[in-house]
Protein backbone atom coordinates (compact mmCIF):
# COMPACT_ATOMS: atom_id res chain seq x y z
CA UNK A 1 -17.34 12.97 8.37
CA UNK A 2 -15.31 10.55 10.52
CA UNK A 3 -17.94 7.85 10.06
CA UNK A 4 -17.69 8.23 6.26
CA UNK A 5 -13.89 8.03 6.41
CA UNK A 6 -14.08 4.95 8.65
CA UNK A 7 -16.57 3.26 6.33
CA UNK A 8 -14.51 4.00 3.21
CA UNK A 9 -11.38 2.69 4.99
CA UNK A 10 -13.04 -0.68 5.60
CA UNK A 11 -14.57 -0.74 2.12
CA UNK A 12 -11.21 -0.26 0.43
CA UNK A 13 -9.56 -2.84 2.71
CA UNK A 14 -12.21 -5.46 1.92
CA UNK A 15 -12.61 -4.68 -1.77
CA UNK A 16 -9.84 -6.90 -3.16
CA UNK A 17 -11.23 -10.28 -2.07
CA UNK A 18 -14.61 -10.09 -3.86
CA UNK A 19 -12.97 -8.62 -6.97
CA UNK A 20 -10.17 -11.18 -7.15
CA UNK A 21 -11.98 -13.62 -9.50
CA UNK A 22 -12.61 -10.80 -11.98
CA UNK A 23 -8.99 -9.62 -11.71
CA UNK A 24 -7.75 -13.18 -12.29
CA UNK A 25 -9.95 -13.57 -15.38
CA UNK A 26 -9.09 -10.19 -16.88
CA UNK A 27 -5.34 -10.61 -16.44
CA UNK A 28 -5.24 -14.42 -16.99
CA UNK A 29 -3.56 -15.05 -13.64
CA UNK A 30 -3.23 -18.38 -11.91
CA UNK A 31 -3.81 -18.79 -8.17
CA UNK A 32 -0.15 -18.28 -7.29
CA UNK A 33 0.06 -15.00 -9.17
CA UNK A 34 -3.21 -13.85 -7.60
CA UNK A 35 -1.82 -14.73 -4.16
CA UNK A 36 1.22 -12.53 -4.88
CA UNK A 37 -1.12 -9.65 -5.73
CA UNK A 38 -3.05 -10.14 -2.48
CA UNK A 39 0.22 -10.29 -0.52
CA UNK A 40 1.58 -7.14 -2.16
CA UNK A 41 -1.70 -5.32 -1.57
CA UNK A 42 -1.81 -6.39 2.08
CA UNK A 43 1.79 -5.36 2.73
CA UNK A 44 1.38 -1.99 1.00
CA UNK A 45 -1.88 -1.37 2.85
CA UNK A 46 -0.33 -2.34 6.19
CA UNK A 47 2.77 -0.21 5.75
CA UNK A 48 0.66 2.78 4.70
CA UNK A 49 -1.03 2.63 8.10
CA UNK A 50 2.21 3.66 9.83
CA UNK A 51 2.48 7.19 8.39
CA UNK A 52 -1.30 7.45 8.35
CA UNK A 53 -1.47 6.89 12.09
CA UNK A 54 1.28 9.41 12.72
CA UNK A 55 -0.44 12.01 10.54
CA UNK A 56 -3.81 11.36 12.17
CA UNK A 57 -2.37 12.39 15.53
CA UNK A 58 -1.28 15.78 14.16
CA UNK A 59 -3.42 18.77 13.29
CA UNK A 60 -2.72 22.10 11.70
CA UNK A 61 -4.28 25.49 12.32
CA UNK A 62 -5.10 27.62 9.28
CA UNK A 63 -5.58 31.32 9.98
CA UNK A 64 -6.43 33.52 7.00
CA UNK A 65 -5.31 30.80 4.58
CA UNK A 66 -1.90 30.48 6.25
CA UNK A 67 -0.70 27.44 8.18
CA UNK A 68 0.27 28.98 11.50
CA UNK A 69 0.90 25.96 13.75
CA UNK A 70 1.21 22.19 13.31
CA UNK A 71 1.42 19.68 16.14
CA UNK A 72 -0.46 17.27 18.32
CA UNK A 73 -3.81 18.48 19.59
CA UNK A 74 -2.76 18.70 23.25
CA UNK A 75 0.31 20.77 22.26
CA UNK A 76 -1.75 23.25 20.28
CA UNK A 77 -4.41 23.62 22.96
CA UNK A 78 -1.98 23.83 25.88
CA UNK A 79 0.65 26.08 24.27
CA UNK A 80 -0.71 27.97 21.25
CA UNK A 81 2.08 29.40 19.11
CA UNK A 82 0.46 32.80 18.60
CA UNK A 83 -2.45 34.95 19.65
CA UNK A 84 -4.33 34.03 16.47
CA UNK A 85 -3.97 30.30 17.19
CA UNK A 86 -5.12 30.82 20.78
CA UNK A 87 -8.16 32.70 19.55
CA UNK A 88 -8.88 30.05 16.92
CA UNK A 89 -8.76 27.13 19.38
CA UNK A 90 -10.66 29.09 22.02
CA UNK A 91 -8.03 29.29 24.75
CA UNK A 92 -7.69 33.11 24.66
CA UNK A 93 -9.48 35.00 27.42
């Protein structure tokens, strides 16, 4: 699953460059306008990595369809918020 997500991440990031000639033709853009599109795409893609990285460090525990605890992995494993969370993550004796 992680390998598929990693592959799709790189595919989406690299997709604009090969498609740029087709985009320019379809929208009748000159090179300057196309450069603005690439710049906007790069900035939006880069800024979206900031919340994405923060969210990737957090996990949530669903017990019986209910979100019982959200936090960083080491927080959840070291201090589970309830008995159900402890049982779910395997730290209950």
